[in-house]
Amino acid sequence: MSDENPVAILFSAKVKADRLRFETAPENSVVFTGDAAEDSTSGSTRTNLPDEVEENVTYRDVEVHYAIEAKLPPAADS
């Protein structure tokens, strides 16, 4: 049996855009609360879009694939 915690929730989204422009650069974060294990994670892969976007810059042929994995904590020994 694997030592890794099982994934309880997996959310995945993929978006594409011909053009994308930000008037204000967004701030974002993901916080896992409740019973989520410490190795829960999130992240994205991007095409033609930097990790930190610039305001008033038009990005073209953009693709973002984003995923969140919330994992269960290890079971307590009985």
PDB file of N, CA and C in Angstrom:
ATOM      1  N   MET A   1       0.841  -1.177   0.000  1.00  0.00           N
ATOM      2  CA  MET A   1       0.000   0.000   0.000  1.00  0.00           C
ATOM      3  C   MET A   1       0.886   1.239   0.000  1.00  0.00           C
ATOM      4  N   SER A   2       0.480   2.263  -0.731  1.00  0.00           N
ATOM      5  CA  SER A   2       1.260   3.485  -0.864  1.00  0.00           C
ATOM      6  C   SER A   2       1.211   4.323   0.407  1.00  0.00           C
ATOM      7  N   ASP A   3       2.304   5.040   0.703  1.00  0.00           N
ATOM      8  CA  ASP A   3       2.336   5.951   1.847  1.00  0.00           C
ATOM      9  C   ASP A   3       1.654   7.280   1.536  1.00  0.00           C
ATOM     10  N   GLU A   4       1.354   7.521   0.273  1.00  0.00           N
ATOM     11  CA  GLU A   4       0.735   8.787  -0.104  1.00  0.00           C
ATOM     12  C   GLU A   4      -0.714   8.827   0.363  1.00  0.00           C
ATOM     13  N   ASN A   5      -1.170  10.041   0.649  1.00  0.00           N
ATOM     14  CA  ASN A   5      -2.560  10.233   1.041  1.00  0.00           C
ATOM     15  C   ASN A   5      -3.446  10.169  -0.197  1.00  0.00           C
ATOM     16  N   PRO A   6      -4.632   9.553  -0.082  1.00  0.00           N
ATOM     17  CA  PRO A   6      -5.524   9.476  -1.241  1.00  0.00           C
ATOM     18  C   PRO A   6      -6.119  10.841  -1.573  1.00  0.00           C
ATOM     19  N   VAL A   7      -6.366  11.068  -2.852  1.00  0.00           N
ATOM     20  CA  VAL A   7      -6.998  12.308  -3.284  1.00  0.00           C
ATOM     21  C   VAL A   7      -8.485  12.205  -2.983  1.00  0.00           C
ATOM     22  N   ALA A   8      -9.003  13.166  -2.194  1.00  0.00           N
ATOM     23  CA  ALA A   8     -10.418  13.185  -1.864  1.00  0.00           C
ATOM     24  C   ALA A   8     -11.191  14.006  -2.889  1.00  0.00           C
ATOM     25  N   ILE A   9     -10.592  15.088  -3.351  1.00  0.00           N
ATOM     26  CA  ILE A   9     -11.227  15.952  -4.341  1.00  0.00           C
ATOM     27  C   ILE A   9     -10.186  16.338  -5.378  1.00  0.00           C
ATOM     28  N   LEU A  10     -10.531  16.182  -6.634  1.00  0.00           N
ATOM     29  CA  LEU A  10      -9.678  16.641  -7.727  1.00  0.00           C
ATOM     30  C   LEU A  10     -10.522  17.539  -8.610  1.00  0.00           C
ATOM     31  N   PHE A  11     -10.126  18.795  -8.707  1.00  0.00           N
ATOM     32  CA  PHE A  11     -10.794  19.758  -9.571  1.00  0.00           C
ATOM     33  C   PHE A  11      -9.809  20.144 -10.651  1.00  0.00           C
ATOM     34  N   SER A  12     -10.245  20.058 -11.906  1.00  0.00           N
ATOM     35  CA  SER A  12      -9.366  20.383 -13.019  1.00  0.00           C
ATOM     36  C   SER A  12     -10.153  21.203 -14.039  1.00  0.00           C
ATOM     37  N   ALA A  13      -9.530  22.253 -14.544  1.00  0.00           N
ATOM     38  CA  ALA A  13     -10.174  23.088 -15.559  1.00  0.00           C
ATOM     39  C   ALA A  13      -9.154  23.488 -16.609  1.00  0.00           C
ATOM     40  N   LYS A  14      -9.626  23.612 -17.845  1.00  0.00           N
ATOM     41  CA  LYS A  14      -8.767  24.047 -18.943  1.00  0.00           C
ATOM     42  C   LYS A  14      -9.514  25.157 -19.685  1.00  0.00           C
ATOM     43  N   VAL A  15      -8.847  26.284 -19.866  1.00  0.00           N
ATOM     44  CA  VAL A  15      -9.451  27.400 -20.591  1.00  0.00           C
ATOM     45  C   VAL A  15      -8.518  27.849 -21.708  1.00  0.00           C
ATOM     46  N   LYS A  16      -9.130  28.321 -22.778  1.00  0.00           N
ATOM     47  CA  LYS A  16      -8.381  28.858 -23.919  1.00  0.00           C
ATOM     48  C   LYS A  16      -8.960  30.218 -24.268  1.00  0.00           C
ATOM     49  N   ALA A  17      -8.098  31.103 -24.773  1.00  0.00           N
ATOM     50  CA  ALA A  17      -8.554  32.417 -25.209  1.00  0.00           C
ATOM     51  C   ALA A  17      -7.712  32.877 -26.389  1.00  0.00           C
ATOM     52  N   ASP A  18      -8.379  33.500 -27.354  1.00  0.00           N
ATOM     53  CA  ASP A  18      -7.651  34.096 -28.468  1.00  0.00           C
ATOM     54  C   ASP A  18      -6.862  35.310 -27.983  1.00  0.00           C
ATOM     55  N   ARG A  19      -7.518  36.109 -27.102  1.00  0.00           N
ATOM     56  CA  ARG A  19      -6.881  37.301 -26.521  1.00  0.00           C
ATOM     57  C   ARG A  19      -7.290  37.401 -25.065  1.00  0.00           C
ATOM     58  N   LEU A  20      -6.367  37.851 -24.234  1.00  0.00           N
ATOM     59  CA  LEU A  20      -6.639  38.036 -22.808  1.00  0.00           C
ATOM     60  C   LEU A  20      -5.857  39.253 -22.335  1.00  0.00           C
ATOM     61  N   ARG A  21      -6.552  40.158 -21.623  1.00  0.00           N
ATOM     62  CA  ARG A  21      -5.925  41.398 -21.163  1.00  0.00           C
ATOM     63  C   ARG A  21      -6.428  41.698 -19.758  1.00  0.00           C
ATOM     64  N   PHE A  22      -5.534  42.120 -18.871  1.00  0.00           N
ATOM     65  CA  PHE A  22      -5.882  42.460 -17.500  1.00  0.00           C
ATOM     66  C   PHE A  22      -5.693  43.960 -17.278  1.00  0.00           C
ATOM     67  N   GLU A  23      -6.759  44.653 -16.908  1.00  0.00           N
ATOM     68  CA  GLU A  23      -6.618  46.055 -16.537  1.00  0.00           C
ATOM     69  C   GLU A  23      -5.892  46.176 -15.202  1.00  0.00           C
ATOM     70  N   THR A  24      -6.169  45.219 -14.321  1.00  0.00           N
ATOM     71  CA  THR A  24      -5.499  45.133 -13.026  1.00  0.00           C
ATOM     72  C   THR A  24      -4.987  43.707 -12.872  1.00  0.00           C
ATOM     73  N   ALA A  25      -3.726  43.552 -12.556  1.00  0.00           N
ATOM     74  CA  ALA A  25      -3.169  42.209 -12.374  1.00  0.00           C
ATOM     75  C   ALA A  25      -3.827  41.554 -11.159  1.00  0.00           C
ATOM     76  N   PRO A  26      -4.376  40.352 -11.328  1.00  0.00           N
ATOM     77  CA  PRO A  26      -5.080  39.705 -10.220  1.00  0.00           C
ATOM     78  C   PRO A  26      -4.122  39.147  -9.176  1.00  0.00           C
ATOM     79  N   GLU A  27      -4.601  39.092  -7.941  1.00  0.00           N
ATOM     80  CA  GLU A  27      -3.906  38.391  -6.862  1.00  0.00           C
ATOM     81  C   GLU A  27      -4.745  37.161  -6.557  1.00  0.00           C
ATOM     82  N   ASN A  28      -4.103  36.025  -6.381  1.00  0.00           N
ATOM     83  CA  ASN A  28      -4.863  34.812  -6.105  1.00  0.00           C
ATOM     84  C   ASN A  28      -4.073  33.883  -5.207  1.00  0.00           C
ATOM     85  N   SER A  29      -4.805  33.024  -4.528  1.00  0.00           N
ATOM     86  CA  SER A  29      -4.183  32.010  -3.683  1.00  0.00           C
ATOM     87  C   SER A  29      -5.204  30.918  -3.396  1.00  0.00           C
ATOM     88  N   VAL A  30      -4.709  29.764  -3.017  1.00  0.00           N
ATOM     89  CA  VAL A  30      -5.547  28.646  -2.618  1.00  0.00           C
ATOM     90  C   VAL A  30      -5.151  28.271  -1.207  1.00  0.00           C
ATOM     91  N   VAL A  31      -6.141  28.159  -0.322  1.00  0.00           N
ATOM     92  CA  VAL A  31      -5.897  27.769   1.067  1.00  0.00           C
ATOM     93  C   VAL A  31      -6.731  26.532   1.354  1.00  0.00           C
ATOM     94  N   PHE A  32      -6.095  25.487   1.833  1.00  0.00           N
ATOM     95  CA  PHE A  32      -6.802  24.268   2.208  1.00  0.00           C
ATOM     96  C   PHE A  32      -7.120  24.335   3.696  1.00  0.00           C
ATOM     97  N   THR A  33      -8.384  24.175   4.025  1.00  0.00           N
ATOM     98  CA  THR A  33      -8.820  24.231   5.420  1.00  0.00           C
ATOM     99  C   THR A  33      -9.472  22.911   5.815  1.00  0.00           C
ATOM    100  N   GLY A  34      -9.940  22.852   7.032  1.00  0.00           N
ATOM    101  CA  GLY A  34     -10.641  21.649   7.481  1.00  0.00           C
ATOM    102  C   GLY A  34      -9.685  20.489   7.635  1.00  0.00           C
ATOM    103  N   ASP A  35     -10.070  19.341   7.097  1.00  0.00           N
ATOM    104  CA  ASP A  35      -9.311  18.108   7.278  1.00  0.00           C
ATOM    105  C   ASP A  35      -8.343  17.799   6.135  1.00  0.00           C
ATOM    106  N   ALA A  36      -8.041  18.765   5.298  1.00  0.00           N
ATOM    107  CA  ALA A  36      -7.141  18.501   4.172  1.00  0.00           C
ATOM    108  C   ALA A  36      -5.730  18.184   4.671  1.00  0.00           C
ATOM    109  N   ALA A  37      -5.097  17.219   4.015  1.00  0.00           N
ATOM    110  CA  ALA A  37      -3.727  16.838   4.367  1.00  0.00           C
ATOM    111  C   ALA A  37      -2.746  17.927   3.931  1.00  0.00           C
ATOM    112  N   GLU A  38      -1.580  17.946   4.579  1.00  0.00           N
ATOM    113  CA  GLU A  38      -0.563  18.960   4.274  1.00  0.00           C
ATOM    114  C   GLU A  38      -0.034  18.856   2.846  1.00  0.00           C
ATOM    115  N   ASP A  39      -0.128  17.659   2.235  1.00  0.00           N
ATOM    116  CA  ASP A  39       0.384  17.510   0.872  1.00  0.00           C
ATOM    117  C   ASP A  39      -0.691  17.780  -0.189  1.00  0.00           C
ATOM    118  N   SER A  40      -1.812  18.394   0.198  1.00  0.00           N
ATOM    119  CA  SER A  40      -2.774  18.877  -0.789  1.00  0.00           C
ATOM    120  C   SER A  40      -2.083  19.953  -1.615  1.00  0.00           C
ATOM    121  N   THR A  41      -2.473  20.082  -2.886  1.00  0.00           N
ATOM    122  CA  THR A  41      -1.726  20.976  -3.770  1.00  0.00           C
ATOM    123  C   THR A  41      -2.609  21.594  -4.849  1.00  0.00           C
ATOM    124  N   SER A  42      -2.096  22.638  -5.468  1.00  0.00           N
ATOM    125  CA  SER A  42      -2.752  23.233  -6.627  1.00  0.00           C
ATOM    126  C   SER A  42      -1.680  23.827  -7.525  1.00  0.00           C
ATOM    127  N   GLY A  43      -2.024  24.009  -8.793  1.00  0.00           N
ATOM    128  CA  GLY A  43      -1.067  24.612  -9.707  1.00  0.00           C
ATOM    129  C   GLY A  43      -1.602  24.654 -11.119  1.00  0.00           C
ATOM    130  N   SER A  44      -0.841  25.322 -11.983  1.00  0.00           N
ATOM    131  CA  SER A  44      -1.288  25.479 -13.365  1.00  0.00           C
ATOM    132  C   SER A  44      -0.134  25.292 -14.332  1.00  0.00           C
ATOM    133  N   THR A  45      -0.491  24.916 -15.548  1.00  0.00           N
ATOM    134  CA  THR A  45       0.437  24.975 -16.670  1.00  0.00           C
ATOM    135  C   THR A  45      -0.158  25.980 -17.639  1.00  0.00           C
ATOM    136  N   ARG A  46       0.677  26.819 -18.202  1.00  0.00           N
ATOM    137  CA  ARG A  46       0.204  27.922 -19.035  1.00  0.00           C
ATOM    138  C   ARG A  46       0.938  27.937 -20.361  1.00  0.00           C
ATOM    139  N   THR A  47       0.211  28.343 -21.390  1.00  0.00           N
ATOM    140  CA  THR A  47       0.795  28.563 -22.705  1.00  0.00           C
ATOM    141  C   THR A  47       0.576  30.026 -23.067  1.00  0.00           C
ATOM    142  N   ASN A  48       1.624  30.717 -23.392  1.00  0.00           N
ATOM    143  CA  ASN A  48       1.582  32.135 -23.796  1.00  0.00           C
ATOM    144  C   ASN A  48       1.026  33.056 -22.710  1.00  0.00           C
ATOM    145  N   LEU A  49       1.205  32.671 -21.464  1.00  0.00           N
ATOM    146  CA  LEU A  49       0.770  33.500 -20.340  1.00  0.00           C
ATOM    147  C   LEU A  49       1.767  33.301 -19.199  1.00  0.00           C
ATOM    148  N   PRO A  50       2.429  34.373 -18.757  1.00  0.00           N
ATOM    149  CA  PRO A  50       3.417  34.227 -17.683  1.00  0.00           C
ATOM    150  C   PRO A  50       2.735  33.968 -16.329  1.00  0.00           C
ATOM    151  N   ASP A  51       3.497  33.473 -15.379  1.00  0.00           N
ATOM    152  CA  ASP A  51       2.963  33.252 -14.025  1.00  0.00           C
ATOM    153  C   ASP A  51       2.471  34.553 -13.409  1.00  0.00           C
ATOM    154  N   GLU A  52       3.191  35.632 -13.642  1.00  0.00           N
ATOM    155  CA  GLU A  52       2.769  36.945 -13.163  1.00  0.00           C
ATOM    156  C   GLU A  52       2.451  37.809 -14.378  1.00  0.00           C
ATOM    157  N   VAL A  53       1.161  38.056 -14.592  1.00  0.00           N
ATOM    158  CA  VAL A  53       0.751  38.839 -15.757  1.00  0.00           C
ATOM    159  C   VAL A  53       0.989  40.326 -15.515  1.00  0.00           C
ATOM    160  N   GLU A  54       1.114  41.060 -16.604  1.00  0.00           N
ATOM    161  CA  GLU A  54       1.294  42.504 -16.530  1.00  0.00           C
ATOM    162  C   GLU A  54      -0.017  43.200 -16.864  1.00  0.00           C
ATOM    163  N   GLU A  55      -0.232  44.329 -16.229  1.00  0.00           N
ATOM    164  CA  GLU A  55      -1.432  45.113 -16.496  1.00  0.00           C
ATOM    165  C   GLU A  55      -1.359  45.727 -17.888  1.00  0.00           C
ATOM    166  N   ASN A  56      -2.522  45.767 -18.560  1.00  0.00           N
ATOM    167  CA  ASN A  56      -2.680  46.412 -19.871  1.00  0.00           C
ATOM    168  C   ASN A  56      -1.794  45.816 -20.968  1.00  0.00           C
ATOM    169  N   VAL A  57      -1.485  44.545 -20.839  1.00  0.00           N
ATOM    170  CA  VAL A  57      -0.763  43.810 -21.879  1.00  0.00           C
ATOM    171  C   VAL A  57      -1.742  42.790 -22.454  1.00  0.00           C
ATOM    172  N   THR A  58      -1.814  42.701 -23.776  1.00  0.00           N
ATOM    173  CA  THR A  58      -2.689  41.720 -24.411  1.00  0.00           C
ATOM    174  C   THR A  58      -1.892  40.458 -24.703  1.00  0.00           C
ATOM    175  N   TYR A  59      -2.350  39.338 -24.143  1.00  0.00           N
ATOM    176  CA  TYR A  59      -1.734  38.036 -24.378  1.00  0.00           C
ATOM    177  C   TYR A  59      -2.581  37.314 -25.422  1.00  0.00           C
ATOM    178  N   ARG A  60      -1.932  36.628 -26.348  1.00  0.00           N
ATOM    179  CA  ARG A  60      -2.654  35.986 -27.455  1.00  0.00           C
ATOM    180  C   ARG A  60      -2.440  34.471 -27.433  1.00  0.00           C
ATOM    181  N   ASP A  61      -3.466  33.769 -27.936  1.00  0.00           N
ATOM    182  CA  ASP A  61      -3.442  32.296 -28.011  1.00  0.00           C
ATOM    183  C   ASP A  61      -3.061  31.687 -26.666  1.00  0.00           C
ATOM    184  N   VAL A  62      -3.837  32.055 -25.657  1.00  0.00           N
ATOM    185  CA  VAL A  62      -3.578  31.664 -24.270  1.00  0.00           C
ATOM    186  C   VAL A  62      -4.279  30.347 -23.947  1.00  0.00           C
ATOM    187  N   GLU A  63      -3.605  29.526 -23.145  1.00  0.00           N
ATOM    188  CA  GLU A  63      -4.221  28.300 -22.625  1.00  0.00           C
ATOM    189  C   GLU A  63      -3.724  28.102 -21.204  1.00  0.00           C
ATOM    190  N   VAL A  64      -4.660  27.807 -20.304  1.00  0.00           N
ATOM    191  CA  VAL A  64      -4.322  27.542 -18.906  1.00  0.00           C
ATOM    192  C   VAL A  64      -5.010  26.255 -18.481  1.00  0.00           C
ATOM    193  N   HIS A  65      -4.243  25.346 -17.914  1.00  0.00           N
ATOM    194  CA  HIS A  65      -4.789  24.129 -17.313  1.00  0.00           C
ATOM    195  C   HIS A  65      -4.489  24.220 -15.823  1.00  0.00           C
ATOM    196  N   TYR A  66      -5.549  24.222 -15.008  1.00  0.00           N
ATOM    197  CA  TYR A  66      -5.410  24.427 -13.565  1.00  0.00           C
ATOM    198  C   TYR A  66      -5.978  23.225 -12.827  1.00  0.00           C
ATOM    199  N   ALA A  67      -5.315  22.796 -11.777  1.00  0.00           N
ATOM    200  CA  ALA A  67      -5.784  21.652 -10.998  1.00  0.00           C
ATOM    201  C   ALA A  67      -5.598  21.899  -9.505  1.00  0.00           C
ATOM    202  N   ILE A  68      -6.566  21.407  -8.741  1.00  0.00           N
ATOM    203  CA  ILE A  68      -6.508  21.429  -7.278  1.00  0.00           C
ATOM    204  C   ILE A  68      -6.724  19.996  -6.802  1.00  0.00           C
ATOM    205  N   GLU A  69      -5.836  19.507  -5.940  1.00  0.00           N
ATOM    206  CA  GLU A  69      -5.976  18.180  -5.337  1.00  0.00           C
ATOM    207  C   GLU A  69      -6.037  18.334  -3.825  1.00  0.00           C
ATOM    208  N   ALA A  70      -7.201  18.054  -3.246  1.00  0.00           N
ATOM    209  CA  ALA A  70      -7.336  18.048  -1.790  1.00  0.00           C
ATOM    210  C   ALA A  70      -7.236  16.595  -1.338  1.00  0.00           C
ATOM    211  N   LYS A  71      -6.303  16.342  -0.450  1.00  0.00           N
ATOM    212  CA  LYS A  71      -6.059  14.967   0.006  1.00  0.00           C
ATOM    213  C   LYS A  71      -6.497  14.801   1.449  1.00  0.00           C
ATOM    214  N   LEU A  72      -6.806  13.553   1.796  1.00  0.00           N
ATOM    215  CA  LEU A  72      -7.183  13.225   3.170  1.00  0.00           C
ATOM    216  C   LEU A  72      -5.943  13.041   4.027  1.00  0.00           C
ATOM    217  N   PRO A  73      -6.023  13.415   5.301  1.00  0.00           N
ATOM    218  CA  PRO A  73      -4.874  13.167   6.179  1.00  0.00           C
ATOM    219  C   PRO A  73      -4.727  11.667   6.433  1.00  0.00           C
ATOM    220  N   PRO A  74      -3.549  11.224   6.857  1.00  0.00           N
ATOM    221  CA  PRO A  74      -3.357   9.793   7.138  1.00  0.00           C
ATOM    222  C   PRO A  74      -4.329   9.348   8.235  1.00  0.00           C
ATOM    223  N   ALA A  75      -4.782   8.119   8.125  1.00  0.00           N
ATOM    224  CA  ALA A  75      -5.687   7.566   9.125  1.00  0.00           C
ATOM    225  C   ALA A  75      -4.939   7.378  10.444  1.00  0.00           C
ATOM    226  N   ALA A  76      -5.607   7.716  11.522  1.00  0.00           N
ATOM    227  CA  ALA A  76      -5.007   7.517  12.839  1.00  0.00           C
ATOM    228  C   ALA A  76      -4.997   6.044  13.185  1.00  0.00           C
ATOM    229  N   ASP A  77      -3.907   5.582  13.782  1.00  0.00           N
ATOM    230  CA  ASP A  77      -3.838   4.175  14.213  1.00  0.00           C
ATOM    231  C   ASP A  77      -4.807   3.956  15.364  1.00  0.00           C
ATOM    232  N   SER A  78      -5.529   2.851  15.311  1.00  0.00           N
ATOM    233  CA  SER A  78      -6.488   2.543  16.376  1.00  0.00           C
ATOM    234  C   SER A  78      -5.870   1.723  17.461  1.00  0.00           C
TER     235      SER A  78
END
